[in-house]
PDB file of N, CA and C in Angstrom:
ATOM      1  N   MET A   1       0.844  -1.185   0.000  1.00  0.00           N
ATOM      2  CA  MET A   1       0.000   0.000   0.000  1.00  0.00           C
ATOM      3  C   MET A   1       0.886   1.245   0.000  1.00  0.00           C
ATOM      4  N   ARG A   2       0.511   2.226  -0.775  1.00  0.00           N
ATOM      5  CA  ARG A   2       1.307   3.442  -0.893  1.00  0.00           C
ATOM      6  C   ARG A   2       0.954   4.398   0.239  1.00  0.00           C
ATOM      7  N   SER A   3       1.960   5.004   0.843  1.00  0.00           N
ATOM      8  CA  SER A   3       1.727   5.882   1.987  1.00  0.00           C
ATOM      9  C   SER A   3       1.675   7.341   1.562  1.00  0.00           C
ATOM     10  N   LYS A   4       1.177   8.198   2.475  1.00  0.00           N
ATOM     11  CA  LYS A   4       1.147   9.630   2.199  1.00  0.00           C
ATOM     12  C   LYS A   4       2.568  10.178   2.081  1.00  0.00           C
ATOM     13  N   LEU A   5       3.479   9.634   2.860  1.00  0.00           N
ATOM     14  CA  LEU A   5       4.875  10.044   2.729  1.00  0.00           C
ATOM     15  C   LEU A   5       5.356   9.746   1.311  1.00  0.00           C
ATOM     16  N   GLY A   6       4.951   8.596   0.784  1.00  0.00           N
ATOM     17  CA  GLY A   6       5.292   8.247  -0.592  1.00  0.00           C
ATOM     18  C   GLY A   6       4.716   9.248  -1.576  1.00  0.00           C
ATOM     19  N   ASP A   7       3.478   9.678  -1.330  1.00  0.00           N
ATOM     20  CA  ASP A   7       2.862  10.678  -2.197  1.00  0.00           C
ATOM     21  C   ASP A   7       3.670  11.969  -2.191  1.00  0.00           C
ATOM     22  N   LYS A   8       4.083  12.389  -1.018  1.00  0.00           N
ATOM     23  CA  LYS A   8       4.834  13.644  -0.933  1.00  0.00           C
ATOM     24  C   LYS A   8       6.143  13.543  -1.704  1.00  0.00           C
ATOM     25  N   ILE A   9       6.812  12.431  -1.562  1.00  0.00           N
ATOM     26  CA  ILE A   9       8.076  12.232  -2.273  1.00  0.00           C
ATOM     27  C   ILE A   9       7.837  12.204  -3.777  1.00  0.00           C
ATOM     28  N   ARG A  10       6.803  11.509  -4.220  1.00  0.00           N
ATOM     29  CA  ARG A  10       6.492  11.449  -5.648  1.00  0.00           C
ATOM     30  C   ARG A  10       6.127  12.824  -6.192  1.00  0.00           C
ATOM     31  N   LEU A  11       5.369  13.589  -5.433  1.00  0.00           N
ATOM     32  CA  LEU A  11       5.020  14.949  -5.847  1.00  0.00           C
ATOM     33  C   LEU A  11       6.267  15.826  -5.938  1.00  0.00           C
ATOM     34  N   GLN A  12       7.197  15.629  -5.024  1.00  0.00           N
ATOM     35  CA  GLN A  12       8.458  16.375  -5.091  1.00  0.00           C
ATOM     36  C   GLN A  12       9.250  15.979  -6.331  1.00  0.00           C
ATOM     37  N   HIS A  13       9.208  14.701  -6.695  1.00  0.00           N
ATOM     38  CA  HIS A  13       9.874  14.252  -7.932  1.00  0.00           C
ATOM     39  C   HIS A  13       9.254  14.947  -9.143  1.00  0.00           C
ATOM     40  N   ILE A  14       7.928  15.051  -9.148  1.00  0.00           N
ATOM     41  CA  ILE A  14       7.248  15.740 -10.246  1.00  0.00           C
ATOM     42  C   ILE A  14       7.694  17.188 -10.312  1.00  0.00           C
ATOM     43  N   LYS A  15       7.705  17.853  -9.168  1.00  0.00           N
ATOM     44  CA  LYS A  15       8.117  19.260  -9.116  1.00  0.00           C
ATOM     45  C   LYS A  15       9.562  19.421  -9.592  1.00  0.00           C
ATOM     46  N   GLU A  16      10.439  18.548  -9.144  1.00  0.00           N
ATOM     47  CA  GLU A  16      11.848  18.623  -9.555  1.00  0.00           C
ATOM     48  C   GLU A  16      11.993  18.413 -11.066  1.00  0.00           C
ATOM     49  N   SER A  17      11.218  17.502 -11.621  1.00  0.00           N
ATOM     50  CA  SER A  17      11.277  17.268 -13.070  1.00  0.00           C
ATOM     51  C   SER A  17      10.777  18.481 -13.838  1.00  0.00           C
ATOM     52  N   ILE A  18       9.727  19.105 -13.332  1.00  0.00           N
ATOM     53  CA  ILE A  18       9.225  20.326 -13.966  1.00  0.00           C
ATOM     54  C   ILE A  18      10.295  21.412 -13.912  1.00  0.00           C
ATOM     55  N   ASP A  19      10.938  21.554 -12.768  1.00  0.00           N
ATOM     56  CA  ASP A  19      12.001  22.557 -12.640  1.00  0.00           C
ATOM     57  C   ASP A  19      13.148  22.270 -13.607  1.00  0.00           C
ATOM     58  N   GLU A  20      13.475  21.005 -13.790  1.00  0.00           N
ATOM     59  CA  GLU A  20      14.524  20.638 -14.748  1.00  0.00           C
ATOM     60  C   GLU A  20      14.127  21.047 -16.163  1.00  0.00           C
ATOM     61  N   ILE A  21      12.881  20.781 -16.532  1.00  0.00           N
ATOM     62  CA  ILE A  21      12.408  21.181 -17.860  1.00  0.00           C
ATOM     63  C   ILE A  21      12.547  22.686 -18.026  1.00  0.00           C
ATOM     64  N   TYR A  22      12.131  23.441 -17.012  1.00  0.00           N
ATOM     65  CA  TYR A  22      12.254  24.905 -17.079  1.00  0.00           C
ATOM     66  C   TYR A  22      13.713  25.315 -17.260  1.00  0.00           C
ATOM     67  N   ASN A  23      14.618  24.632 -16.570  1.00  0.00           N
ATOM     68  CA  ASN A  23      16.044  24.944 -16.722  1.00  0.00           C
ATOM     69  C   ASN A  23      16.528  24.651 -18.141  1.00  0.00           C
ATOM     70  N   TYR A  24      16.064  23.555 -18.716  1.00  0.00           N
ATOM     71  CA  TYR A  24      16.500  23.183 -20.062  1.00  0.00           C
ATOM     72  C   TYR A  24      16.055  24.183 -21.115  1.00  0.00           C
ATOM     73  N   ILE A  25      14.826  24.680 -20.976  1.00  0.00           N
ATOM     74  CA  ILE A  25      14.257  25.502 -22.049  1.00  0.00           C
ATOM     75  C   ILE A  25      14.235  26.993 -21.726  1.00  0.00           C
ATOM     76  N   PHE A  26      14.889  27.396 -20.662  1.00  0.00           N
ATOM     77  CA  PHE A  26      14.898  28.805 -20.277  1.00  0.00           C
ATOM     78  C   PHE A  26      15.320  29.681 -21.451  1.00  0.00           C
ATOM     79  N   GLU A  27      14.470  30.629 -21.784  1.00  0.00           N
ATOM     80  CA  GLU A  27      14.700  31.568 -22.889  1.00  0.00           C
ATOM     81  C   GLU A  27      14.953  30.864 -24.225  1.00  0.00           C
ATOM     82  N   THR A  28      14.317  29.718 -24.410  1.00  0.00           N
ATOM     83  CA  THR A  28      14.467  28.963 -25.648  1.00  0.00           C
ATOM     84  C   THR A  28      13.221  29.122 -26.498  1.00  0.00           C
ATOM     85  N   GLU A  29      13.417  29.274 -27.774  1.00  0.00           N
ATOM     86  CA  GLU A  29      12.316  29.343 -28.729  1.00  0.00           C
ATOM     87  C   GLU A  29      12.109  27.965 -29.353  1.00  0.00           C
ATOM     88  N   PHE A  30      10.964  27.805 -29.973  1.00  0.00           N
ATOM     89  CA  PHE A  30      10.590  26.530 -30.578  1.00  0.00           C
ATOM     90  C   PHE A  30      11.640  26.039 -31.572  1.00  0.00           C
ATOM     91  N   ASP A  31      12.148  26.895 -32.431  1.00  0.00           N
ATOM     92  CA  ASP A  31      13.131  26.477 -33.438  1.00  0.00           C
ATOM     93  C   ASP A  31      14.390  25.894 -32.791  1.00  0.00           C
ATOM     94  N   THR A  32      14.824  26.496 -31.718  1.00  0.00           N
ATOM     95  CA  THR A  32      15.997  25.985 -31.003  1.00  0.00           C
ATOM     96  C   THR A  32      15.686  24.619 -30.409  1.00  0.00           C
ATOM     97  N   PHE A  33      14.512  24.497 -29.809  1.00  0.00           N
ATOM     98  CA  PHE A  33      14.081  23.227 -29.215  1.00  0.00           C
ATOM     99  C   PHE A  33      14.064  22.119 -30.280  1.00  0.00           C
ATOM    100  N   ILE A  34      13.465  22.407 -31.410  1.00  0.00           N
ATOM    101  CA  ILE A  34      13.344  21.422 -32.491  1.00  0.00           C
ATOM    102  C   ILE A  34      14.712  20.986 -33.005  1.00  0.00           C
ATOM    103  N   ASN A  35      15.650  21.898 -33.052  1.00  0.00           N
ATOM    104  CA  ASN A  35      16.971  21.606 -33.617  1.00  0.00           C
ATOM    105  C   ASN A  35      17.997  21.120 -32.610  1.00  0.00           C
ATOM    106  N   ASN A  36      17.594  20.980 -31.349  1.00  0.00           N
ATOM    107  CA  ASN A  36      18.525  20.547 -30.318  1.00  0.00           C
ATOM    108  C   ASN A  36      18.048  19.202 -29.753  1.00  0.00           C
ATOM    109  N   SER A  37      18.578  18.122 -30.292  1.00  0.00           N
ATOM    110  CA  SER A  37      18.118  16.790 -29.889  1.00  0.00           C
ATOM    111  C   SER A  37      18.387  16.509 -28.417  1.00  0.00           C
ATOM    112  N   MET A  38      19.494  17.027 -27.884  1.00  0.00           N
ATOM    113  CA  MET A  38      19.787  16.788 -26.481  1.00  0.00           C
ATOM    114  C   MET A  38      18.729  17.447 -25.595  1.00  0.00           C
ATOM    115  N   MET A  39      18.337  18.653 -25.931  1.00  0.00           N
ATOM    116  CA  MET A  39      17.315  19.363 -25.172  1.00  0.00           C
ATOM    117  C   MET A  39      15.974  18.626 -25.258  1.00  0.00           C
ATOM    118  N   ARG A  40      15.614  18.199 -26.463  1.00  0.00           N
ATOM    119  CA  ARG A  40      14.346  17.478 -26.651  1.00  0.00           C
ATOM    120  C   ARG A  40      14.323  16.203 -25.827  1.00  0.00           C
ATOM    121  N   PHE A  41      15.364  15.411 -25.936  1.00  0.00           N
ATOM    122  CA  PHE A  41      15.390  14.138 -25.226  1.00  0.00           C
ATOM    123  C   PHE A  41      15.469  14.328 -23.718  1.00  0.00           C
ATOM    124  N   ALA A  42      16.147  15.355 -23.259  1.00  0.00           N
ATOM    125  CA  ALA A  42      16.187  15.643 -21.824  1.00  0.00           C
ATOM    126  C   ALA A  42      14.794  16.012 -21.316  1.00  0.00           C
ATOM    127  N   CYS A  43      14.077  16.801 -22.084  1.00  0.00           N
ATOM    128  CA  CYS A  43      12.712  17.183 -21.700  1.00  0.00           C
ATOM    129  C   CYS A  43      11.786  15.971 -21.702  1.00  0.00           C
ATOM    130  N   VAL A  44      11.908  15.127 -22.714  1.00  0.00           N
ATOM    131  CA  VAL A  44      11.080  13.922 -22.771  1.00  0.00           C
ATOM    132  C   VAL A  44      11.368  13.030 -21.566  1.00  0.00           C
ATOM    133  N   LYS A  45      12.627  12.902 -21.205  1.00  0.00           N
ATOM    134  CA  LYS A  45      12.988  12.078 -20.036  1.00  0.00           C
ATOM    135  C   LYS A  45      12.326  12.621 -18.776  1.00  0.00           C
ATOM    136  N   GLN A  46      12.338  13.927 -18.601  1.00  0.00           N
ATOM    137  CA  GLN A  46      11.702  14.512 -17.419  1.00  0.00           C
ATOM    138  C   GLN A  46      10.193  14.308 -17.464  1.00  0.00           C
ATOM    139  N   LEU A  47       9.589  14.375 -18.641  1.00  0.00           N
ATOM    140  CA  LEU A  47       8.155  14.099 -18.765  1.00  0.00           C
ATOM    141  C   LEU A  47       7.859  12.640 -18.427  1.00  0.00           C
ATOM    142  N   GLU A  48       8.761  11.751 -18.792  1.00  0.00           N
ATOM    143  CA  GLU A  48       8.609  10.341 -18.427  1.00  0.00           C
ATOM    144  C   GLU A  48       8.650  10.175 -16.907  1.00  0.00           C
ATOM    145  N   ILE A  49       9.549  10.887 -16.249  1.00  0.00           N
ATOM    146  CA  ILE A  49       9.649  10.822 -14.788  1.00  0.00           C
ATOM    147  C   ILE A  49       8.364  11.337 -14.158  1.00  0.00           C
ATOM    148  N   ILE A  50       7.833  12.424 -14.690  1.00  0.00           N
ATOM    149  CA  ILE A  50       6.569  12.973 -14.191  1.00  0.00           C
ATOM    150  C   ILE A  50       5.468  11.914 -14.304  1.00  0.00           C
ATOM    151  N   GLY A  51       5.421  11.237 -15.451  1.00  0.00           N
ATOM    152  CA  GLY A  51       4.410  10.203 -15.653  1.00  0.00           C
ATOM    153  C   GLY A  51       4.585   9.023 -14.724  1.00  0.00           C
ATOM    154  N   LYS A  52       5.807   8.598 -14.531  1.00  0.00           N
ATOM    155  CA  LYS A  52       6.081   7.458 -13.651  1.00  0.00           C
ATOM    156  C   LYS A  52       5.744   7.812 -12.205  1.00  0.00           C
ATOM    157  N   ALA A  53       6.139   8.992 -11.764  1.00  0.00           N
ATOM    158  CA  ALA A  53       5.821   9.413 -10.399  1.00  0.00           C
ATOM    159  C   ALA A  53       4.311   9.535 -10.213  1.00  0.00           C
ATOM    160  N   SER A  54       3.627  10.042 -11.217  1.00  0.00           N
ATOM    161  CA  SER A  54       2.167  10.188 -11.147  1.00  0.00           C
ATOM    162  C   SER A  54       1.489   8.829 -11.020  1.00  0.00           C
ATOM    163  N   ASN A  55       2.045   7.846 -11.678  1.00  0.00           N
ATOM    164  CA  ASN A  55       1.483   6.504 -11.626  1.00  0.00           C
ATOM    165  C   ASN A  55       1.547   5.918 -10.215  1.00  0.00           C
ATOM    166  N   HIS A  56       2.488   6.382  -9.402  1.00  0.00           N
ATOM    167  CA  HIS A  56       2.666   5.849  -8.052  1.00  0.00           C
ATOM    168  C   HIS A  56       1.961   6.664  -6.978  1.00  0.00           C
ATOM    169  N   ILE A  57       1.254   7.709  -7.367  1.00  0.00           N
ATOM    170  CA  ILE A  57       0.454   8.472  -6.400  1.00  0.00           C
ATOM    171  C   ILE A  57      -0.722   7.606  -5.971  1.00  0.00           C
ATOM    172  N   THR A  58      -1.077   7.672  -4.700  1.00  0.00           N
ATOM    173  CA  THR A  58      -2.187   6.861  -4.210  1.00  0.00           C
ATOM    174  C   THR A  58      -3.509   7.287  -4.846  1.00  0.00           C
ATOM    175  N   GLU A  59      -4.418   6.331  -4.939  1.00  0.00           N
ATOM    176  CA  GLU A  59      -5.748   6.626  -5.477  1.00  0.00           C
ATOM    177  C   GLU A  59      -6.454   7.660  -4.612  1.00  0.00           C
ATOM    178  N   GLU A  60      -6.220   7.609  -3.324  1.00  0.00           N
ATOM    179  CA  GLU A  60      -6.835   8.577  -2.400  1.00  0.00           C
ATOM    180  C   GLU A  60      -6.441  10.007  -2.779  1.00  0.00           C
ATOM    181  N   LEU A  61      -5.172  10.238  -3.000  1.00  0.00           N
ATOM    182  CA  LEU A  61      -4.721  11.583  -3.366  1.00  0.00           C
ATOM    183  C   LEU A  61      -5.206  11.964  -4.755  1.00  0.00           C
ATOM    184  N   LYS A  62      -5.196  11.005  -5.675  1.00  0.00           N
ATOM    185  CA  LYS A  62      -5.682  11.284  -7.026  1.00  0.00           C
ATOM    186  C   LYS A  62      -7.150  11.690  -7.004  1.00  0.00           C
ATOM    187  N   GLN A  63      -7.935  11.037  -6.187  1.00  0.00           N
ATOM    188  CA  GLN A  63      -9.349  11.388  -6.087  1.00  0.00           C
ATOM    189  C   GLN A  63      -9.528  12.749  -5.424  1.00  0.00           C
ATOM    190  N   LYS A  64      -8.734  13.017  -4.420  1.00  0.00           N
ATOM    191  CA  LYS A  64      -8.822  14.296  -3.712  1.00  0.00           C
ATOM    192  C   LYS A  64      -8.460  15.458  -4.636  1.00  0.00           C
ATOM    193  N   PHE A  65      -7.520  15.226  -5.528  1.00  0.00           N
ATOM    194  CA  PHE A  65      -7.069  16.257  -6.469  1.00  0.00           C
ATOM    195  C   PHE A  65      -7.366  15.801  -7.897  1.00  0.00           C
ATOM    196  N   SER A  66      -8.622  15.541  -8.142  1.00  0.00           N
ATOM    197  CA  SER A  66      -9.051  14.972  -9.419  1.00  0.00           C
ATOM    198  C   SER A  66      -8.986  15.966 -10.579  1.00  0.00           C
ATOM    199  N   GLU A  67      -8.726  17.236 -10.279  1.00  0.00           N
ATOM    200  CA  GLU A  67      -8.585  18.213 -11.361  1.00  0.00           C
ATOM    201  C   GLU A  67      -7.291  17.989 -12.156  1.00  0.00           C
ATOM    202  N   ILE A  68      -6.379  17.246 -11.577  1.00  0.00           N
ATOM    203  CA  ILE A  68      -5.151  16.885 -12.300  1.00  0.00           C
ATOM    204  C   ILE A  68      -5.460  15.659 -13.151  1.00  0.00           C
ATOM    205  N   GLU A  69      -5.031  15.688 -14.374  1.00  0.00           N
ATOM    206  CA  GLU A  69      -5.322  14.605 -15.324  1.00  0.00           C
ATOM    207  C   GLU A  69      -4.300  13.479 -15.159  1.00  0.00           C
ATOM    208  N   TRP A  70      -4.396  12.771 -14.048  1.00  0.00           N
ATOM    209  CA  TRP A  70      -3.426  11.736 -13.697  1.00  0.00           C
ATOM    210  C   TRP A  70      -3.332  10.663 -14.774  1.00  0.00           C
ATOM    211  N   ILE A  71      -4.467  10.224 -15.289  1.00  0.00           N
ATOM    212  CA  ILE A  71      -4.466   9.153 -16.298  1.00  0.00           C
ATOM    213  C   ILE A  71      -3.766   9.620 -17.573  1.00  0.00           C
ATOM    214  N   GLN A  72      -4.023  10.850 -17.984  1.00  0.00           N
ATOM    215  CA  GLN A  72      -3.388  11.371 -19.191  1.00  0.00           C
ATOM    216  C   GLN A  72      -1.883  11.525 -19.000  1.00  0.00           C
ATOM    217  N   ILE A  73      -1.478  11.944 -17.811  1.00  0.00           N
ATOM    218  CA  ILE A  73      -0.045  12.110 -17.523  1.00  0.00           C
ATOM    219  C   ILE A  73       0.661  10.758 -17.602  1.00  0.00           C
ATOM    220  N   THR A  74       0.055   9.744 -16.999  1.00  0.00           N
ATOM    221  CA  THR A  74       0.630   8.402 -17.049  1.00  0.00           C
ATOM    222  C   THR A  74       0.619   7.864 -18.478  1.00  0.00           C
ATOM    223  N   GLY A  75      -0.461   8.113 -19.202  1.00  0.00           N
ATOM    224  CA  GLY A  75      -0.550   7.671 -20.597  1.00  0.00           C
ATOM    225  C   GLY A  75       0.508   8.319 -21.466  1.00  0.00           C
ATOM    226  N   MET A  76       0.758   9.617 -21.216  1.00  0.00           N
ATOM    227  CA  MET A  76       1.793  10.333 -21.955  1.00  0.00           C
ATOM    228  C   MET A  76       3.141   9.642 -21.736  1.00  0.00           C
ATOM    229  N   ARG A  77       3.426   9.292 -20.510  1.00  0.00           N
ATOM    230  CA  ARG A  77       4.685   8.625 -20.186  1.00  0.00           C
ATOM    231  C   ARG A  77       4.807   7.322 -20.955  1.00  0.00           C
ATOM    232  N   ASN A  78       3.721   6.558 -21.011  1.00  0.00           N
ATOM    233  CA  ASN A  78       3.757   5.275 -21.707  1.00  0.00           C
ATOM    234  C   ASN A  78       4.026   5.460 -23.195  1.00  0.00           C
ATOM    235  N   VAL A  79       3.436   6.459 -23.794  1.00  0.00           N
ATOM    236  CA  VAL A  79       3.687   6.743 -25.209  1.00  0.00           C
ATOM    237  C   VAL A  79       5.155   7.100 -25.413  1.00  0.00           C
ATOM    238  N   PHE A  80       5.683   7.973 -24.566  1.00  0.00           N
ATOM    239  CA  PHE A  80       7.078   8.390 -24.718  1.00  0.00           C
ATOM    240  C   PHE A  80       8.041   7.211 -24.557  1.00  0.00           C
ATOM    241  N   VAL A  81       7.765   6.335 -23.618  1.00  0.00           N
ATOM    242  CA  VAL A  81       8.661   5.210 -23.362  1.00  0.00           C
ATOM    243  C   VAL A  81       8.621   4.198 -24.508  1.00  0.00           C
ATOM    244  N   HIS A  82       7.430   3.982 -25.069  1.00  0.00           N
ATOM    245  CA  HIS A  82       7.286   2.914 -26.057  1.00  0.00           C
ATOM    246  C   HIS A  82       7.331   3.388 -27.504  1.00  0.00           C
ATOM    247  N   GLU A  83       7.244   4.681 -27.717  1.00  0.00           N
ATOM    248  CA  GLU A  83       7.242   5.215 -29.078  1.00  0.00           C
ATOM    249  C   GLU A  83       8.382   6.216 -29.271  1.00  0.00           C
ATOM    250  N   TYR A  84       9.530   5.929 -28.701  1.00  0.00           N
ATOM    251  CA  TYR A  84      10.621   6.901 -28.671  1.00  0.00           C
ATOM    252  C   TYR A  84      11.037   7.412 -30.036  1.00  0.00           C
ATOM    253  N   PHE A  85      10.891   6.621 -31.100  1.00  0.00           N
ATOM    254  CA  PHE A  85      11.237   7.115 -32.431  1.00  0.00           C
ATOM    255  C   PHE A  85      10.073   7.840 -33.091  1.00  0.00           C
ATOM    256  N   GLY A  86       8.886   7.713 -32.511  1.00  0.00           N
ATOM    257  CA  GLY A  86       7.718   8.339 -33.094  1.00  0.00           C
ATOM    258  C   GLY A  86       7.213   9.546 -32.314  1.00  0.00           C
ATOM    259  N   ILE A  87       8.018  10.058 -31.401  1.00  0.00           N
ATOM    260  CA  ILE A  87       7.600  11.196 -30.580  1.00  0.00           C
ATOM    261  C   ILE A  87       7.604  12.462 -31.430  1.00  0.00           C
ATOM    262  N   ASP A  88       6.504  13.161 -31.409  1.00  0.00           N
ATOM    263  CA  ASP A  88       6.352  14.412 -32.149  1.00  0.00           C
ATOM    264  C   ASP A  88       6.867  15.561 -31.276  1.00  0.00           C
ATOM    265  N   ALA A  89       7.966  16.156 -31.662  1.00  0.00           N
ATOM    266  CA  ALA A  89       8.589  17.228 -30.872  1.00  0.00           C
ATOM    267  C   ALA A  89       7.669  18.433 -30.727  1.00  0.00           C
ATOM    268  N   THR A  90       6.804  18.655 -31.697  1.00  0.00           N
ATOM    269  CA  THR A  90       5.855  19.769 -31.602  1.00  0.00           C
ATOM    270  C   THR A  90       4.883  19.532 -30.454  1.00  0.00           C
ATOM    271  N   ILE A  91       4.430  18.294 -30.301  1.00  0.00           N
ATOM    272  CA  ILE A  91       3.524  17.966 -29.196  1.00  0.00           C
ATOM    273  C   ILE A  91       4.249  18.096 -27.864  1.00  0.00           C
ATOM    274  N   VAL A  92       5.480  17.653 -27.812  1.00  0.00           N
ATOM    275  CA  VAL A  92       6.271  17.807 -26.579  1.00  0.00           C
ATOM    276  C   VAL A  92       6.371  19.284 -26.209  1.00  0.00           C
ATOM    277  N   TRP A  93       6.663  20.128 -27.182  1.00  0.00           N
ATOM    278  CA  TRP A  93       6.773  21.572 -26.937  1.00  0.00           C
ATOM    279  C   TRP A  93       5.447  22.130 -26.418  1.00  0.00           C
ATOM    280  N   GLN A  94       4.344  21.703 -27.021  1.00  0.00           N
ATOM    281  CA  GLN A  94       3.025  22.177 -26.588  1.00  0.00           C
ATOM    282  C   GLN A  94       2.718  21.736 -25.156  1.00  0.00           C
ATOM    283  N   ILE A  95       3.083  20.511 -24.822  1.00  0.00           N
ATOM    284  CA  ILE A  95       2.892  20.025 -23.448  1.00  0.00           C
ATOM    285  C   ILE A  95       3.694  20.883 -22.490  1.00  0.00           C
ATOM    286  N   ILE A  96       4.951  21.134 -22.837  1.00  0.00           N
ATOM    287  CA  ILE A  96       5.821  21.925 -21.967  1.00  0.00           C
ATOM    288  C   ILE A  96       5.277  23.336 -21.791  1.00  0.00           C
ATOM    289  N   LYS A  97       4.846  23.944 -22.864  1.00  0.00           N
ATOM    290  CA  LYS A  97       4.399  25.336 -22.812  1.00  0.00           C
ATOM    291  C   LYS A  97       2.981  25.501 -22.260  1.00  0.00           C
ATOM    292  N   ASN A  98       2.089  24.544 -22.536  1.00  0.00           N
ATOM    293  CA  ASN A  98       0.682  24.719 -22.183  1.00  0.00           C
ATOM    294  C   ASN A  98       0.244  23.934 -20.948  1.00  0.00           C
ATOM    295  N   ASP A  99       0.788  22.747 -20.754  1.00  0.00           N
ATOM    296  CA  ASP A  99       0.302  21.874 -19.688  1.00  0.00           C
ATOM    297  C   ASP A  99       1.176  21.874 -18.439  1.00  0.00           C
ATOM    298  N   ILE A 100       2.467  22.036 -18.622  1.00  0.00           N
ATOM    299  CA  ILE A 100       3.380  21.964 -17.476  1.00  0.00           C
ATOM    300  C   ILE A 100       3.212  23.142 -16.505  1.00  0.00           C
ATOM    301  N   PRO A 101       3.071  24.389 -16.966  1.00  0.00           N
ATOM    302  CA  PRO A 101       2.916  25.487 -15.991  1.00  0.00           C
ATOM    303  C   PRO A 101       1.719  25.322 -15.044  1.00  0.00           C
ATOM    304  N   PRO A 102       0.506  24.984 -15.547  1.00  0.00           N
ATOM    305  CA  PRO A 102      -0.588  24.791 -14.589  1.00  0.00           C
ATOM    306  C   PRO A 102      -0.394  23.559 -13.708  1.00  0.00           C
ATOM    307  N   LEU A 103       0.266  22.520 -14.251  1.00  0.00           N
ATOM    308  CA  LEU A 103       0.553  21.346 -13.425  1.00  0.00           C
ATOM    309  C   LEU A 103       1.467  21.731 -12.273  1.00  0.00           C
ATOM    310  N   ARG A 104       2.459  22.541 -12.558  1.00  0.00           N
ATOM    311  CA  ARG A 104       3.386  22.962 -11.498  1.00  0.00           C
ATOM    312  C   ARG A 104       2.646  23.704 -10.394  1.00  0.00           C
ATOM    313  N   GLU A 105       1.734  24.602 -10.774  1.00  0.00           N
ATOM    314  CA  GLU A 105       0.951  25.327  -9.776  1.00  0.00           C
ATOM    315  C   GLU A 105       0.137  24.377  -8.907  1.00  0.00           C
ATOM    316  N   LYS A 106      -0.479  23.388  -9.534  1.00  0.00           N
ATOM    317  CA  LYS A 106      -1.294  22.426  -8.785  1.00  0.00           C
ATOM    318  C   LYS A 106      -0.439  21.572  -7.865  1.00  0.00           C
ATOM    319  N   ILE A 107       0.712  21.145  -8.338  1.00  0.00           N
ATOM    320  CA  ILE A 107       1.609  20.330  -7.518  1.00  0.00           C
ATOM    321  C   ILE A 107       2.102  21.145  -6.328  1.00  0.00           C
ATOM    322  N   ASP A 108       2.460  22.415  -6.556  1.00  0.00           N
ATOM    323  CA  ASP A 108       2.868  23.281  -5.446  1.00  0.00           C
ATOM    324  C   ASP A 108       1.763  23.410  -4.414  1.00  0.00           C
ATOM    325  N   MET A 109       0.533  23.572  -4.881  1.00  0.00           N
ATOM    326  CA  MET A 109      -0.601  23.705  -3.984  1.00  0.00           C
ATOM    327  C   MET A 109      -0.809  22.432  -3.166  1.00  0.00           C
ATOM    328  N   ILE A 110      -0.709  21.284  -3.817  1.00  0.00           N
ATOM    329  CA  ILE A 110      -0.871  20.018  -3.105  1.00  0.00           C
ATOM    330  C   ILE A 110       0.228  19.853  -2.063  1.00  0.00           C
ATOM    331  N   LEU A 111       1.459  20.143  -2.439  1.00  0.00           N
ATOM    332  CA  LEU A 111       2.574  19.985  -1.500  1.00  0.00           C
ATOM    333  C   LEU A 111       2.387  20.867  -0.261  1.00  0.00           C
ATOM    334  N   LYS A 112       1.781  22.012  -0.421  1.00  0.00           N
ATOM    335  CA  LYS A 112       1.535  22.886   0.735  1.00  0.00           C
ATOM    336  C   LYS A 112       0.510  22.298   1.686  1.00  0.00           C
ATOM    337  N   THR A 113      -0.351  21.407   1.173  1.00  0.00           N
ATOM    338  CA  THR A 113      -1.382  20.812   2.026  1.00  0.00           C
ATOM    339  C   THR A 113      -0.888  19.548   2.747  1.00  0.00           C
ATOM    340  N   LEU A 114       0.223  19.000   2.319  1.00  0.00           N
ATOM    341  CA  LEU A 114       0.712  17.742   2.927  1.00  0.00           C
ATOM    342  C   LEU A 114       1.653  18.000   4.080  1.00  0.00           C
TER     343      LEU A 114
END
């Protein structure tokens, strides 16, 4: 059974991965991202970590914070892990720019409650 302490640690892993992504793409434009394979793969790896950590969050916490799309986050990780040659860098960029900032806010909020 997964403990609340485990949830806190997993949430911290998610936050750390988000911070890593921000460090990788700081002041980076889409063209640079597309042309820098190391940056792309580093970001994908951090997204995989976010998905894996999300998969280990307890059902209790997931239900309590159901506004987070836990299933989609885990599904994204599975696609990245199993379709590594078919990953669309444009979609990765959109996830980073559109989905990661609100996720970070929600994770910060949850961590403050634990």
